[in-house]
Protein backbone atom coordinates (compact mmCIF):
# COMPACT_ATOMS: atom_id res chain seq x y z
CA MET A 1 60.49 150.85 166.21
CA ALA A 2 60.16 148.99 169.79
CA LEU A 3 61.01 151.87 171.25
CA ARG A 4 58.76 154.38 169.12
CA ALA A 5 55.95 151.64 169.80
CA LYS A 6 56.86 151.65 173.51
CA VAL A 7 56.19 147.04 172.77
CA SER A 8 58.51 144.37 173.09
CA VAL A 9 60.81 143.71 170.15
CA ARG A 10 58.59 140.42 169.31
CA THR A 11 55.72 141.96 169.04
CA VAL A 12 57.01 144.03 166.80
CA SER A 13 58.23 141.45 164.50
CA ASN A 14 54.46 139.33 165.11
CA VAL A 15 52.78 142.37 163.09
CA VAL A 16 55.35 142.94 160.68
CA SER A 17 55.17 139.46 160.01
CA GLY A 18 51.07 139.15 160.06
CA TYR A 19 50.45 137.39 162.76
CA GLU A 20 46.96 137.62 163.69
CA HIS A 21 46.77 137.12 167.36
CA VAL A 22 48.10 141.04 168.80
CA SER A 23 45.84 143.24 170.41
CA ALA A 24 44.45 146.08 167.93
CA GLN A 25 45.44 148.34 170.34
CA MET A 26 49.48 147.20 170.33
CA ARG A 27 48.98 146.28 166.16
CA ALA A 28 47.60 149.98 166.22
CA ARG A 29 50.81 151.32 168.08
CA VAL A 30 53.38 149.55 165.76
CA GLU A 31 51.30 151.03 162.30
CA ARG A 32 51.87 154.14 164.00
CA ALA A 33 55.99 153.36 164.71
CA ILE A 34 56.15 152.07 161.22
CA GLU A 35 54.42 155.11 159.81
CA GLU A 36 56.44 157.97 161.49
CA LEU A 37 59.64 155.72 160.92
CA ASP A 38 59.32 154.92 157.48
CA TYR A 39 60.33 151.60 158.21
CA ARG A 40 60.08 148.98 155.11
CA PRO A 41 61.18 145.04 156.51
CA ASN A 42 63.78 143.70 155.12
CA PRO A 43 63.22 140.56 153.06
CA VAL A 44 66.87 139.02 153.16
CA ALA A 45 67.02 139.52 156.82
CA ARG A 46 63.33 138.19 157.52
CA THR A 47 64.12 134.79 155.72
CA LEU A 48 67.45 134.33 157.22
CA ARG A 49 65.62 134.49 160.60
CA THR A 50 62.33 133.19 160.20
CA GLY A 51 62.98 130.54 157.19
CA ARG A 52 60.02 132.12 155.28
CA THR A 53 60.43 134.42 151.94
CA GLY A 54 56.88 136.12 152.00
CA VAL A 55 56.61 134.95 148.69
CA LEU A 56 53.99 131.81 147.50
CA ALA A 57 54.18 130.33 144.14
CA LEU A 58 50.70 130.47 141.54
CA VAL A 59 51.16 127.85 138.65
CA VAL A 60 48.67 128.46 135.99
CA PRO A 61 48.51 126.77 132.76
CA GLU A 62 47.95 129.73 130.43
CA ILE A 63 48.18 133.12 131.92
CA ASP A 64 46.84 135.12 129.39
CA VAL A 65 43.26 132.87 129.45
CA PRO A 66 40.96 135.18 130.89
CA TYR A 67 39.66 132.98 133.49
CA PHE A 68 43.61 132.13 134.59
CA ALA A 69 44.67 135.60 134.24
CA GLU A 70 41.54 136.78 136.69
CA LEU A 71 42.62 134.01 139.45
CA ALA A 72 45.22 135.67 139.41
CA ARG A 73 44.02 138.58 140.07
CA GLU A 74 42.34 137.88 142.76
CA VAL A 75 44.93 135.19 144.37
CA ILE A 76 47.70 138.35 144.37
CA THR A 77 44.47 140.34 146.47
CA ALA A 78 44.04 138.05 148.76
CA ALA A 79 47.39 137.01 149.44
CA ALA A 80 48.17 140.59 150.31
CA ASP A 81 45.81 140.52 152.94
CA VAL A 82 47.43 138.85 154.99
CA GLY A 83 51.07 139.47 154.06
CA TYR A 84 51.96 137.44 150.87
CA ARG A 85 53.46 138.78 147.87
CA VAL A 86 52.84 136.30 144.76
CA MET A 87 54.85 135.33 141.59
CA ILE A 88 53.28 133.24 138.67
CA ASP A 89 54.33 130.70 135.90
CA GLN A 90 52.15 128.73 133.16
CA THR A 91 52.73 125.61 132.39
CA GLY A 92 51.60 125.64 128.79
CA HIS A 93 49.64 122.66 129.21
CA ASP A 94 53.46 120.74 129.26
CA HIS A 95 53.94 117.96 131.40
CA ASP A 96 57.37 118.05 131.78
CA ARG A 97 56.90 121.80 132.34
CA GLU A 98 54.35 120.74 135.14
CA ARG A 99 56.98 118.00 136.57
CA GLU A 100 59.46 120.74 136.74
CA LEU A 101 57.27 123.88 138.61
CA LEU A 102 55.98 121.22 140.99
CA THR A 103 59.54 119.67 142.38
CA GLY A 104 60.98 123.22 141.98
CA GLY A 105 64.76 122.25 142.49
CA ASP A 106 66.96 125.34 143.67
CA ARG A 107 63.62 127.89 142.68
CA GLY A 108 61.84 126.42 145.80
CA MET A 109 63.66 128.05 148.07
CA LEU A 110 62.14 131.45 146.60
CA PHE A 111 58.38 130.44 148.34
CA ASP A 112 56.82 129.52 151.00
CA GLY A 113 54.24 127.51 149.51
CA VAL A 114 52.54 126.54 146.33
CA LEU A 115 49.21 127.04 144.85
CA PHE A 116 48.90 124.85 141.87
CA SER A 117 46.75 124.45 139.00
CA PRO A 118 47.45 121.56 137.03
CA LEU A 119 46.23 120.18 133.82
CA VAL A 120 48.25 117.25 132.85
CA THR A 121 49.48 116.29 135.89
CA ARG A 122 48.56 112.71 136.96
CA ALA A 123 47.98 111.58 140.39
CA GLU A 124 51.39 109.87 140.51
CA LEU A 125 52.94 113.02 139.89
CA LEU A 126 52.34 114.38 142.71
CA ALA A 127 53.82 111.59 144.77
CA MET A 128 57.24 113.66 143.76
CA GLN A 129 56.14 116.52 146.40
CA GLU A 130 56.09 113.71 149.34
CA SER A 131 59.76 113.89 149.44
CA ARG A 132 59.69 118.18 149.79
CA SER A 133 58.58 119.97 152.45
CA MET A 134 57.45 122.29 149.99
CA PRO A 135 53.21 123.02 151.04
CA LEU A 136 51.02 122.57 148.13
CA VAL A 137 47.26 123.35 147.49
CA LEU A 138 45.80 122.32 144.30
CA LEU A 139 43.55 124.19 142.19
CA GLY A 140 40.55 123.33 139.55
CA GLU A 141 38.82 120.13 138.27
CA HIS A 142 41.07 116.77 139.91
CA GLU A 143 40.45 114.37 141.89
CA PHE A 144 43.45 112.89 143.51
CA ASP A 145 43.41 111.05 146.85
CA GLY A 146 43.41 113.38 150.18
CA ARG A 147 46.85 113.65 150.14
CA TYR A 148 47.04 117.56 148.85
CA ASP A 149 44.35 120.34 150.43
CA HIS A 150 42.12 120.99 146.85
CA VAL A 151 40.16 123.98 146.67
CA ALA A 152 37.56 122.15 143.66
CA ILE A 153 35.55 123.12 140.74
CA ASP A 154 32.28 121.09 140.43
CA ASN A 155 33.06 121.03 136.93
CA VAL A 156 29.63 117.88 136.83
CA GLN A 157 26.92 120.23 138.22
CA ALA A 158 28.34 122.74 136.67
CA ALA A 159 27.64 121.79 132.68
CA HIS A 160 24.60 119.70 133.50
CA ASP A 161 23.10 123.37 134.66
CA ALA A 162 24.42 124.80 131.67
CA THR A 163 22.43 122.46 129.89
CA ALA A 164 19.52 122.26 132.42
CA HIS A 165 18.59 125.71 131.54
CA LEU A 166 19.20 125.15 127.72
CA LEU A 167 16.54 122.23 128.09
CA ALA A 168 14.42 124.65 130.29
CA ILE A 169 13.72 126.78 127.70
CA GLY A 170 12.98 124.61 125.13
CA ARG A 171 15.63 123.80 122.91
CA THR A 172 15.94 120.10 122.11
CA ARG A 173 19.40 119.80 119.95
CA ILE A 174 21.36 120.92 122.29
CA ALA A 175 25.62 120.23 121.63
CA ALA A 176 28.60 120.57 123.32
CA ILE A 177 31.85 121.76 121.94
CA GLY A 178 34.74 120.68 124.37
CA ALA A 179 35.16 117.12 124.23
CA GLN A 180 39.11 115.73 124.48
CA PRO A 181 38.46 112.19 123.73
CA GLN A 182 42.08 111.45 123.73
CA GLU A 183 42.81 113.23 127.22
CA ASP A 184 42.80 112.40 130.77
CA TYR A 185 42.55 116.32 131.76
CA ALA A 186 39.72 115.69 134.49
CA THR A 187 37.70 119.16 132.96
CA PRO A 188 36.71 117.36 129.51
CA GLN A 189 35.71 114.45 131.05
CA GLN A 190 33.35 116.50 133.47
CA ARG A 191 31.83 118.60 131.23
CA THR A 192 31.42 116.28 129.48
CA ALA A 193 29.51 114.47 132.55
CA GLY A 194 27.00 116.79 133.48
CA TYR A 195 25.83 117.74 129.17
CA GLU A 196 24.87 114.31 129.18
CA ARG A 197 23.40 113.54 132.47
CA ALA A 198 21.34 116.51 131.86
CA LEU A 199 20.24 115.27 128.83
CA ARG A 200 19.58 111.99 130.19
CA ALA A 201 17.31 113.35 132.98
CA ALA A 202 15.31 114.31 130.32
CA GLY A 203 14.62 111.28 128.39
CA MET A 204 17.55 112.53 125.91
CA THR A 205 20.45 110.62 123.81
CA PRO A 206 23.18 112.23 123.66
CA ALA A 207 24.17 112.62 119.95
CA GLU A 208 28.21 111.45 119.41
CA ASP A 209 28.07 113.74 116.76
CA TYR A 210 26.67 117.06 118.72
CA LEU A 211 29.69 116.66 121.12
CA ARG A 212 32.50 118.45 119.47
CA PRO A 213 36.35 117.98 120.61
CA ALA A 214 38.36 121.67 121.18
CA VAL A 215 42.62 120.90 121.44
CA HIS A 216 42.58 123.83 122.92
CA TYR A 217 39.63 126.72 124.79
CA SER A 218 39.94 129.31 122.59
CA ARG A 219 38.01 131.29 120.02
CA ALA A 220 39.62 129.32 117.20
CA ASP A 221 38.74 126.08 118.49
CA GLY A 222 34.96 127.50 119.31
CA TYR A 223 34.61 129.25 116.15
CA GLN A 224 35.95 126.00 113.96
CA ALA A 225 33.84 123.73 115.74
CA THR A 226 30.25 125.37 115.91
CA ARG A 227 31.23 125.42 112.04
CA GLU A 228 30.82 121.80 111.62
CA LEU A 229 28.34 121.61 113.87
CA LEU A 230 26.01 124.56 111.62
CA GLU A 231 27.14 122.37 108.44
CA ARG A 232 25.02 119.47 109.53
CA ALA A 233 21.76 118.74 107.98
CA GLU A 234 20.67 119.03 111.14
CA ARG A 235 22.30 121.22 113.07
CA PRO A 236 21.90 122.10 116.99
CA ASP A 237 19.75 124.60 118.26
CA ALA A 238 21.62 125.17 121.63
CA ILE A 239 25.69 124.92 122.13
CA VAL A 240 27.30 124.45 125.60
CA CYS A 241 30.49 125.59 125.47
CA TYR A 242 33.16 123.87 128.05
CA SER A 243 34.21 127.85 128.34
CA ASP A 244 33.86 131.24 127.65
CA LEU A 245 36.76 131.59 125.30
CA LEU A 246 35.52 128.52 122.85
CA ALA A 247 31.63 130.72 123.12
CA MET A 248 32.59 133.48 121.58
CA GLY A 249 34.62 131.70 119.02
CA ALA A 250 30.75 130.29 118.80
CA LEU A 251 28.70 133.25 118.57
CA ARG A 252 31.37 134.82 116.02
CA ALA A 253 30.58 131.57 113.88
CA ILE A 254 26.95 132.03 114.22
CA TYR A 255 26.70 135.43 113.74
CA ASP A 256 29.21 134.25 110.45
CA ALA A 257 26.93 131.44 108.65
CA GLY A 258 24.09 134.14 108.76
CA LEU A 259 22.25 133.07 111.94
CA ARG A 260 21.58 134.87 115.11
CA ALA A 261 21.85 133.69 119.26
CA PRO A 262 19.44 132.91 120.69
CA GLU A 263 17.34 132.49 118.33
CA ASP A 264 18.67 130.33 115.87
CA VAL A 265 21.16 128.87 117.89
CA ALA A 266 21.50 129.95 121.92
CA VAL A 267 25.00 129.62 123.01
CA ILE A 268 26.47 129.12 126.67
CA GLY A 269 29.63 128.93 127.88
CA VAL A 270 31.38 128.35 132.07
CA ASP A 271 33.66 130.89 133.34
CA ASP A 272 31.74 134.18 133.79
CA ILE A 273 35.02 136.41 131.88
CA GLU A 274 34.41 140.45 131.77
CA GLU A 275 34.68 139.58 128.02
CA GLY A 276 31.33 138.02 128.10
CA ARG A 277 29.87 140.38 129.92
CA TYR A 278 30.26 142.98 126.90
CA SER A 279 29.77 140.85 123.89
CA ARG A 280 27.25 141.43 121.48
CA PRO A 281 24.46 139.61 122.32
CA SER A 282 26.23 139.09 125.59
CA LEU A 283 26.72 135.46 126.68
CA SER A 284 24.92 133.73 129.08
CA THR A 285 27.64 131.44 131.40
CA VAL A 286 28.17 129.54 135.09
CA SER A 287 29.80 132.00 136.85
CA LEU A 288 32.84 130.21 139.14
CA ASP A 289 33.14 132.26 142.08
CA THR A 290 36.95 133.11 141.86
CA PRO A 291 37.32 135.33 144.42
CA PHE A 292 35.90 133.22 146.69
CA ILE A 293 38.35 130.03 144.89
CA ALA A 294 41.35 132.71 145.68
CA ARG A 295 40.36 133.36 149.12
CA GLU A 296 40.14 129.55 149.84
CA ALA A 297 43.36 128.48 148.53
CA ILE A 298 45.24 131.23 150.72
CA ALA A 299 43.57 130.72 153.47
CA ARG A 300 45.03 126.93 152.67
CA ILE A 301 48.04 127.82 152.15
CA THR A 302 48.81 129.40 154.70
CA ALA A 303 47.33 127.20 156.97
CA ARG A 304 49.28 124.90 156.10
CA ILE A 305 52.72 126.93 156.16
CA ALA A 306 51.84 127.64 160.24
CA ASP A 307 51.41 124.26 160.75
CA PRO A 308 52.76 121.78 158.43
CA GLU A 309 50.84 118.44 160.19
CA THR A 310 47.34 119.81 159.78
CA PRO A 311 45.11 117.54 157.72
CA ALA A 312 44.74 117.98 154.05
CA VAL A 313 41.17 119.87 153.15
CA GLN A 314 39.11 119.35 150.47
CA VAL A 315 36.67 122.91 149.65
CA THR A 316 34.23 122.98 146.57
CA ALA A 317 33.85 126.56 144.81
CA PRO A 318 30.19 127.76 144.44
CA HIS A 319 29.30 128.76 141.02
CA THR A 320 26.24 130.22 139.46
CA LEU A 321 24.20 130.36 136.42
CA VAL A 322 24.18 133.76 134.74
CA VAL A 323 21.08 133.91 132.30
CA ARG A 324 22.14 136.84 129.38
CA GLU A 325 20.84 137.56 125.80
CA SER A 326 22.96 134.50 124.34
CA THR A 327 20.54 132.84 125.62
CA GLU A 328 17.36 134.20 126.47
CA GLY A 329 17.80 137.82 124.63
CA ARG A 330 18.00 139.55 128.26
CA SER A 331 19.82 142.90 128.35
CA PRO A 332 23.43 142.19 130.48
CA ASP A 333 23.69 143.23 133.68
CA LEU A 334 27.42 145.00 133.45
CA GLY A 335 27.62 145.13 137.49
CA ARG A 336 27.94 141.81 137.62
């Protein structure tokens, strides 16, 4: 390979390993030689030589939830751009499962780093990871103490913006679905805080019976919670759902009750999953920038792999209010 490209063995190794600081001319010569020789790197040999596998782990709560499926797709794409492959596992909301996947055991030898989106893990559990050398980047809506790289979502502001939109279109009886008062999970707590903050800013006192729990952020839970809200003597005229799947269930419950969205009850979600763009009515939502989250997560984990002593960084992903038919009757923008 080095002879064909007329470069040093080190240069070939740097190109194959995805090392950035190789001149464009040298990289082109090596890549041309790779193509001509139909070269395929031996992952076992690379691991023995470098101590790295070229594989990252992505751990999420549920891979069949559309948001996490879309995030996984973006992570795989971003990782491939820098020469990494990704293996995916799920915790199923289970504390012991998160502990197992976090501490790794012998499985830790398979990965160069872990991208971890915990739901039930507490900060003290993450202290278990300190005794391991495995690079770790946290994803999502958690408040940790700065020991770990973290690509975060501003859930408070996201829920605030969703609620403020409903207020702006004249809704005054605004319910919310997704609270989990018996749990210590960050997502529902933060989204409830944003919902209540927007109401108070508008001079309203949040009504306790308008805040409905959801054990899982599923269509079924959204459907059941909405049915209960619609049975009230003074039913809500708008609903903030803490996920798009909850909102999908809410829309179906409104339809089954013989009502219309948004005319009778406006609905908005959070996530901007593809399904919401094609539902009828199309779903207004707060769009979380999953490509940004994925790129930043990969940038942080590769930096951590290259230099384990680099200071931890927290990055907050942007979000965007996307208005569709379920709140304002607008036709969907299927290009988004």
